[in-house]
Amino acid sequence: MKTFKYTINGKIYEVTVDKKDETLAEVGVNGAYYKVELEKKEEEPAAPKIQRPVASASAPSAPKAAGSGKGAIKSPLPGIIVDVKVSVGDTVNKGDTVAVLEAMKMENVISAPMAGKVTSINVNPGDSILEGVVILTIE
């Protein structure tokens, strides 16, 4: 049993609460007792599950980044694009930071896998992306 004292508009109230079970409690206010039906707690809906797209056997595979050819830089994991550090037409060196991805409350630096010229940028800061999404392309 828990007891509380409240002063409201100069009047003192002594309140006791005795929980009988999950749906009923006995509440006393200055000696008068009441049975109070408790609200049922609604369960929070489960978080939606993210399903990754599955490529069919007949679909052509996406081009992979190559040392001297056209290279698509893909997201290594799902997250939110925090910053894009380059613009179309910029020249980058291997290892330069080209974007920042926030995933699991951590900022992940996305680096250029090769030197070249940025030919396209497919995301904007604030975009939520899945694993494998092409962030930008270097030629």
Foldseek 3Di string as FASTA:
>chain_A
DDWDWDADPNDIWIKDWAAPDPFWIWIDIPRDIDIDGDDDDDDDDDDDDDDDDDDDPPDDDDDDADAPDKHFQWAQFWFFWAFAPDDAFDWDAFFDFGTWGQDPNDIDTRTHNHTAGWHDADDHGGDTDGGGHGGTMGD
